[in-house]
Protein backbone atom coordinates (compact mmCIF):
# COMPACT_ATOMS: atom_id res chain seq x y z
CA UNK A 1 0.02 0.00 0.00
CA UNK A 2 1.30 3.40 -0.91
CA UNK A 3 0.75 6.13 1.67
CA UNK A 4 0.79 9.66 0.38
CA UNK A 5 2.53 12.00 2.78
CA UNK A 6 1.09 15.52 2.91
CA UNK A 7 3.67 18.17 2.19
CA UNK A 8 3.80 20.35 5.30
CA UNK A 9 6.60 22.54 3.98
CA UNK A 10 4.34 25.09 2.38
CA UNK A 11 6.11 28.21 1.23
CA UNK A 12 5.42 31.10 3.55
CA UNK A 13 4.02 34.22 1.96
CA UNK A 14 6.18 37.30 2.35
CA UNK A 15 4.64 40.72 3.03
CA UNK A 16 7.21 43.30 1.92
CA UNK A 17 7.60 46.33 4.10
CA UNK A 18 8.38 48.63 1.20
CA UNK A 19 6.61 49.13 -2.12
CA UNK A 20 9.58 50.75 -3.86
CA UNK A 21 7.97 54.20 -3.89
CA UNK A 22 9.35 57.18 -1.96
CA UNK A 23 7.39 58.54 1.01
CA UNK A 24 7.10 61.90 -0.74
CA UNK A 25 7.88 63.37 -4.17
CA UNK A 26 8.90 66.80 -2.87
CA UNK A 27 9.53 68.82 0.31
CA UNK A 28 6.04 70.35 0.41
CA UNK A 29 4.35 66.94 0.33
CA UNK A 30 6.78 65.56 2.93
CA UNK A 31 6.21 68.52 5.23
CA UNK A 32 2.43 68.04 5.17
CA UNK A 33 2.64 64.28 5.72
CA UNK A 34 4.97 64.65 8.70
CA UNK A 35 2.99 67.60 10.16
CA UNK A 36 -0.32 65.74 10.07
CA UNK A 37 1.22 62.55 11.40
CA UNK A 38 3.10 64.27 14.22
CA UNK A 39 0.11 66.32 15.36
CA UNK A 40 -2.15 63.27 15.38
CA UNK A 41 0.49 61.47 17.42
CA UNK A 42 0.33 64.31 19.90
CA UNK A 43 -3.48 64.42 19.88
CA UNK A 44 -3.70 60.73 20.85
CA UNK A 45 -0.52 60.51 22.90
CA UNK A 46 -2.41 59.54 26.02
CA UNK A 47 -4.57 56.90 24.36
CA UNK A 48 -2.69 53.62 24.07
CA UNK A 49 -5.34 52.17 21.80
CA UNK A 50 -4.93 54.57 18.89
CA UNK A 51 -2.26 53.66 16.32
CA UNK A 52 -1.05 56.39 13.95
CA UNK A 53 1.32 55.65 11.05
CA UNK A 54 2.76 57.34 8.02
CA UNK A 55 3.55 55.64 4.72
CA UNK A 56 3.04 52.17 6.20
CA UNK A 57 1.95 49.35 3.93
CA UNK A 58 -1.49 48.03 4.85
CA UNK A 59 -2.32 44.45 3.87
CA UNK A 60 -6.06 43.84 4.41
CA UNK A 61 -6.22 40.19 3.30
CA UNK A 62 -4.18 37.28 4.61
CA UNK A 63 -2.27 35.27 1.98
CA UNK A 64 -2.58 38.10 -0.53
CA UNK A 65 0.52 40.30 -0.70
CA UNK A 66 -0.58 42.02 -3.91
CA UNK A 67 -3.59 43.73 -2.37
CA UNK A 68 -2.00 46.55 -0.41
CA UNK A 69 -1.87 50.31 0.00
CA UNK A 70 0.32 52.73 1.89
CA UNK A 71 -1.71 55.77 2.99
CA UNK A 72 0.35 58.88 3.62
CA UNK A 73 -1.18 58.93 7.11
CA UNK A 74 -3.57 56.43 8.68
CA UNK A 75 -5.24 56.23 12.07
CA UNK A 76 -6.48 52.98 13.62
CA UNK A 77 -8.74 53.10 16.69
CA UNK A 78 -8.71 49.98 18.79
CA UNK A 79 -5.10 48.91 18.12
CA UNK A 80 -2.15 49.51 20.41
CA UNK A 81 0.68 51.84 19.67
CA UNK A 82 4.00 50.28 18.69
CA UNK A 83 6.37 49.70 15.82
CA UNK A 84 5.32 47.62 12.83
CA UNK A 85 6.97 46.73 9.56
CA UNK A 86 3.52 46.71 7.92
CA UNK A 87 -0.09 46.69 9.00
CA UNK A 88 -1.32 43.14 8.46
CA UNK A 89 -4.98 43.48 9.24
CA UNK A 90 -5.64 39.82 10.19
CA UNK A 91 -3.05 40.20 12.97
CA UNK A 92 -4.75 43.36 14.23
CA UNK A 93 -8.13 41.89 15.26
CA UNK A 94 -9.12 42.49 11.63
CA UNK A 95 -9.55 46.17 12.37
CA UNK A 96 -9.13 48.35 9.27
CA UNK A 97 -7.74 51.89 9.49
CA UNK A 98 -10.75 54.14 10.06
CA UNK A 99 -9.16 57.39 8.85
CA UNK A 100 -6.66 57.94 6.03
CA UNK A 101 -4.99 61.00 4.51
CA UNK A 102 -3.42 61.38 1.11
CA UNK A 103 -1.24 64.39 0.32
CA UNK A 104 -1.00 64.90 -3.43
CA UNK A 105 2.01 65.76 -5.55
CA UNK A 106 2.18 66.65 -9.24
CA UNK A 107 3.09 63.02 -9.90
CA UNK A 108 -0.24 61.64 -8.74
CA UNK A 109 -2.52 60.60 -11.58
CA UNK A 110 -6.31 60.47 -11.63
CA UNK A 111 -6.19 56.72 -12.33
CA UNK A 112 -3.98 56.20 -9.29
CA UNK A 113 -6.32 58.20 -7.04
CA UNK A 114 -9.33 56.31 -8.38
CA UNK A 115 -7.65 53.00 -7.47
CA UNK A 116 -6.92 54.30 -3.96
CA UNK A 117 -10.51 55.41 -3.51
CA UNK A 118 -11.82 51.97 -4.53
CA UNK A 119 -9.33 50.30 -2.19
CA UNK A 120 -10.28 52.42 0.81
CA UNK A 121 -13.97 52.12 0.04
CA UNK A 122 -13.81 48.33 -0.30
CA UNK A 123 -11.70 47.74 2.79
CA UNK A 124 -13.68 49.73 5.34
CA UNK A 125 -12.13 53.17 5.67
CA UNK A 126 -14.64 55.52 7.33
CA UNK A 127 -13.04 58.90 6.56
CA UNK A 128 -10.75 59.72 3.64
CA UNK A 129 -9.13 63.14 3.31
CA UNK A 130 -7.19 64.38 0.28
CA UNK A 131 -5.08 67.56 0.20
CA UNK A 132 -3.18 69.04 -2.73
CA UNK A 133 -0.84 71.63 -1.16
CA UNK A 134 0.29 72.94 -4.52
CA UNK A 135 -3.24 73.93 -5.45
CA UNK A 136 -4.44 74.35 -1.86
CA UNK A 137 -7.30 72.03 -2.73
CA UNK A 138 -8.87 69.97 0.07
CA UNK A 139 -11.62 67.38 -0.10
CA UNK A 140 -12.98 64.60 2.01
CA UNK A 141 -15.17 61.54 1.88
CA UNK A 142 -17.13 59.82 4.61
CA UNK A 143 -18.68 56.36 4.73
CA UNK A 144 -22.35 55.97 4.18
CA UNK A 145 -23.30 52.27 4.36
CA UNK A 146 -20.97 50.56 1.85
CA UNK A 147 -19.79 53.68 0.05
CA UNK A 148 -17.50 56.64 0.64
CA UNK A 149 -19.40 59.75 -0.29
CA UNK A 150 -18.02 63.26 -0.88
CA UNK A 151 -18.38 65.72 1.98
CA UNK A 152 -20.17 68.63 0.31
CA UNK A 153 -19.49 71.25 2.98
CA UNK A 154 -15.86 70.59 3.81
CA UNK A 155 -15.01 74.09 5.13
CA UNK A 156 -15.06 73.97 8.96
CA UNK A 157 -15.82 70.21 8.77
CA UNK A 158 -15.12 68.37 12.01
CA UNK A 159 -13.89 64.80 11.69
CA UNK A 160 -16.28 62.47 13.57
CA UNK A 161 -13.46 60.12 14.48
CA UNK A 162 -10.61 62.56 15.15
CA UNK A 163 -12.48 65.58 16.45
CA UNK A 164 -10.20 67.89 14.45
CA UNK A 165 -11.56 70.75 12.29
CA UNK A 166 -10.49 71.69 8.77
CA UNK A 167 -10.60 75.30 7.64
CA UNK A 168 -10.16 76.36 4.04
CA UNK A 169 -7.81 79.35 4.06
CA UNK A 170 -5.07 81.06 2.09
CA UNK A 171 -2.36 80.20 1.40
CA UNK A 172 -2.80 76.80 3.07
CA UNK A 173 -5.34 74.57 4.74
CA UNK A 174 -5.56 75.04 8.51
CA UNK A 175 -6.25 72.07 10.79
CA UNK A 176 -7.37 72.66 14.37
CA UNK A 177 -7.20 70.47 17.46
CA UNK A 178 -10.48 69.86 19.30
CA UNK A 179 -9.44 72.64 21.76
CA UNK A 180 -9.15 75.16 18.91
CA UNK A 181 -5.34 75.25 18.70
CA UNK A 182 -3.98 74.93 15.16
CA UNK A 183 -1.75 72.10 14.02
CA UNK A 184 1.88 73.26 13.98
CA UNK A 185 5.01 72.21 12.18
CA UNK A 186 8.19 70.91 13.77
CA UNK A 187 9.89 74.27 13.22
CA UNK A 188 6.99 76.12 14.84
CA UNK A 189 7.10 73.79 17.82
CA UNK A 190 10.86 74.24 18.21
CA UNK A 191 10.45 78.01 17.99
CA UNK A 192 7.70 77.92 20.59
CA UNK A 193 9.85 75.79 22.88
CA UNK A 194 12.79 78.16 22.39
CA UNK A 195 10.63 81.18 23.15
CA UNK A 196 9.38 79.47 26.31
CA UNK A 197 12.96 78.62 27.31
CA UNK A 198 14.04 82.22 26.74
CA UNK A 199 11.05 83.52 28.72
CA UNK A 200 11.89 81.20 31.62
CA UNK A 201 15.54 82.27 31.47
CA UNK A 202 14.58 85.96 31.49
CA UNK A 203 12.32 85.34 34.49
CA UNK A 204 15.12 83.48 36.28
CA UNK A 205 17.54 86.32 35.57
CA UNK A 206 15.03 88.92 36.78
CA UNK A 207 14.50 87.01 40.02
CA UNK A 208 18.27 86.69 40.45
CA UNK A 209 18.74 90.43 39.97
CA UNK A 210 16.00 91.16 42.50
CA UNK A 211 17.65 88.82 45.00
CA UNK A 212 21.02 90.55 44.57
CA UNK A 213 19.41 94.00 45.02
CA UNK A 214 17.69 92.83 48.20
CA UNK A 215 20.99 91.46 49.56
CA UNK A 216 22.78 94.75 48.83
CA UNK A 217 20.04 96.73 50.53
CA UNK A 218 20.15 94.44 53.55
CA UNK A 219 23.96 94.87 53.74
CA UNK A 220 23.66 98.70 53.71
CA UNK A 221 21.05 98.64 56.44
CA UNK A 222 23.30 96.44 58.61
CA UNK A 223 26.15 98.96 58.04
CA UNK A 224 23.83 101.61 59.44
CA UNK A 225 23.10 99.43 62.46
CA UNK A 226 19.63 98.49 61.30
CA UNK A 227 18.44 94.88 61.31
CA UNK A 228 16.62 94.31 57.97
CA UNK A 229 14.36 91.76 59.63
CA UNK A 230 13.03 94.45 61.98
CA UNK A 231 11.75 96.56 59.08
């Protein structure tokens, strides 16, 4: 009798961590991607169950390494923070990113953006925001049943998931935290920190000068035979 032995050495599917494309095509696009990602990191810094990533490959289907997308920024509620080489959805309680951002560059084609829309629509994204910084053109889509539909009144729109507000302005889009403070760039944050450091240093120096003046006055009073503590 011939016994057929099942081959248990099945080849393991690889899920590449890079798609061969750069994170950004130019400095403007890169600045917007990093600004949005960094500010969302700060917004949810105290919530361990909100994962924010930039340019991370998302694989929605196990055993399919061709179906993938790398949103410029994505936010996943219900998944812990931490480093990942890619977002493999079946390993993440099958939770899809709820919010994605795409920052356009002149190299983006309409066909490419159509494919992204279909991908996000099919795989459960709830909010999809698209910004073209070169044209200062901002649009958004929100899920209605099985479809992502265009948000008609996008000016002053508040994201249901993120709580942030988008304001159409010149020369650039302005994004506000739920408390009304605007998103800021790395340079702006460093400048703010430097201003605060300088203010604290000036206050320290002022207090030191006042202390020295008080000590000099006390010394003069003692020379006159007056105890400063009696005054």
